[in-house]
Amino acid sequence: MLRPVGRPSSLRYTRNVAVSQIKMPQLGESVTEGTVDKWLKHEGDFVKRDEPLVEVVTD
């Protein structure tokens, strides 16, 4: 579920909101960055392991 959570060591807090680093799969050998085009989940939604969270566009 996307929501503020406890304080595990992998999270960073900003104004009472949990921030967690999410790994993005390799998109190609020459692709080094992308931009979030569309969020597929909203605050309060449940998220399963390996479930897509965003759509990413690259140049």
C-alpha atoms as a PDB file:
ATOM      1  CA  MET A   1       0.000   0.000   0.000  1.00  0.00           C
ATOM      2  CA  LEU A   2       1.398   3.435  -0.856  1.00  0.00           C
ATOM      3  CA  ARG A   3       1.308   5.364   2.409  1.00  0.00           C
ATOM      4  CA  PRO A   4       3.553   6.674   5.171  1.00  0.00           C
ATOM      5  CA  VAL A   5       5.069   3.747   7.087  1.00  0.00           C
ATOM      6  CA  GLY A   6       7.344   2.932  10.040  1.00  0.00           C
ATOM      7  CA  ARG A   7      10.997   3.891  10.053  1.00  0.00           C
ATOM      8  CA  PRO A   8      13.018   1.068   8.406  1.00  0.00           C
ATOM      9  CA  SER A   9      16.611   2.050   7.651  1.00  0.00           C
ATOM     10  CA  SER A  10      16.000   2.086   3.862  1.00  0.00           C
ATOM     11  CA  LEU A  11      13.519   4.971   4.108  1.00  0.00           C
ATOM     12  CA  ARG A  12      14.142   8.702   4.305  1.00  0.00           C
ATOM     13  CA  TYR A  13      11.512  11.041   5.760  1.00  0.00           C
ATOM     14  CA  THR A  14      10.469  14.463   4.507  1.00  0.00           C
ATOM     15  CA  ARG A  15       7.592  16.200   6.317  1.00  0.00           C
ATOM     16  CA  ASN A  16       6.149  12.917   7.688  1.00  0.00           C
ATOM     17  CA  VAL A  17       6.155  11.184   4.279  1.00  0.00           C
ATOM     18  CA  ALA A  18       8.187   8.030   3.665  1.00  0.00           C
ATOM     19  CA  VAL A  19      10.491   8.160   0.655  1.00  0.00           C
ATOM     20  CA  SER A  20      11.887   4.888  -0.641  1.00  0.00           C
ATOM     21  CA  GLN A  21      14.312   4.263  -3.470  1.00  0.00           C
ATOM     22  CA  ILE A  22      12.810   2.181  -6.284  1.00  0.00           C
ATOM     23  CA  LYS A  23      15.054   0.373  -8.761  1.00  0.00           C
ATOM     24  CA  MET A  24      14.157   0.715 -12.417  1.00  0.00           C
ATOM     25  CA  PRO A  25      14.987  -2.163 -14.780  1.00  0.00           C
ATOM     26  CA  GLN A  26      17.690  -1.588 -17.388  1.00  0.00           C
ATOM     27  CA  LEU A  27      15.947  -0.195 -20.491  1.00  0.00           C
ATOM     28  CA  GLY A  28      18.839  -0.631 -22.900  1.00  0.00           C
ATOM     29  CA  GLU A  29      22.615  -0.412 -23.023  1.00  0.00           C
ATOM     30  CA  SER A  30      22.661   3.246 -24.062  1.00  0.00           C
ATOM     31  CA  VAL A  31      19.702   4.457 -21.952  1.00  0.00           C
ATOM     32  CA  THR A  32      20.937   6.288 -18.835  1.00  0.00           C
ATOM     33  CA  GLU A  33      17.856   8.235 -17.752  1.00  0.00           C
ATOM     34  CA  GLY A  34      14.114   8.468 -18.209  1.00  0.00           C
ATOM     35  CA  THR A  35      11.148  10.584 -17.143  1.00  0.00           C
ATOM     36  CA  VAL A  36       8.049   9.414 -15.298  1.00  0.00           C
ATOM     37  CA  ASP A  37       5.243   9.838 -17.836  1.00  0.00           C
ATOM     38  CA  LYS A  38       2.347   8.361 -15.873  1.00  0.00           C
ATOM     39  CA  TRP A  39       1.839   7.052 -12.333  1.00  0.00           C
ATOM     40  CA  LEU A  40      -0.031   3.728 -12.355  1.00  0.00           C
ATOM     41  CA  LYS A  41      -0.636   3.769  -8.585  1.00  0.00           C
ATOM     42  CA  HIS A  42      -2.056   6.413  -6.276  1.00  0.00           C
ATOM     43  CA  GLU A  43      -1.587   7.127  -2.577  1.00  0.00           C
ATOM     44  CA  GLY A  44      -3.440   4.453  -0.633  1.00  0.00           C
ATOM     45  CA  ASP A  45      -3.226   1.820  -3.405  1.00  0.00           C
ATOM     46  CA  PHE A  46      -1.845  -1.615  -2.538  1.00  0.00           C
ATOM     47  CA  VAL A  47       1.366  -2.516  -4.368  1.00  0.00           C
ATOM     48  CA  LYS A  48       2.526  -6.092  -4.899  1.00  0.00           C
ATOM     49  CA  ARG A  49       6.181  -7.033  -5.368  1.00  0.00           C
ATOM     50  CA  ASP A  50       7.311  -6.481  -8.998  1.00  0.00           C
ATOM     51  CA  GLU A  51       4.041  -4.691  -9.878  1.00  0.00           C
ATOM     52  CA  PRO A  52       4.496  -1.706 -12.249  1.00  0.00           C
ATOM     53  CA  LEU A  53       4.267   1.690 -10.505  1.00  0.00           C
ATOM     54  CA  VAL A  54       4.986   4.111 -13.336  1.00  0.00           C
ATOM     55  CA  GLU A  55       5.313   4.444 -17.096  1.00  0.00           C
ATOM     56  CA  VAL A  56       8.711   5.844 -18.084  1.00  0.00           C
ATOM     57  CA  VAL A  57       9.648   7.587 -21.338  1.00  0.00           C
ATOM     58  CA  THR A  58      13.182   7.930 -22.664  1.00  0.00           C
ATOM     59  CA  ASP A  59      14.784   9.966 -25.421  1.00  0.00           C
END
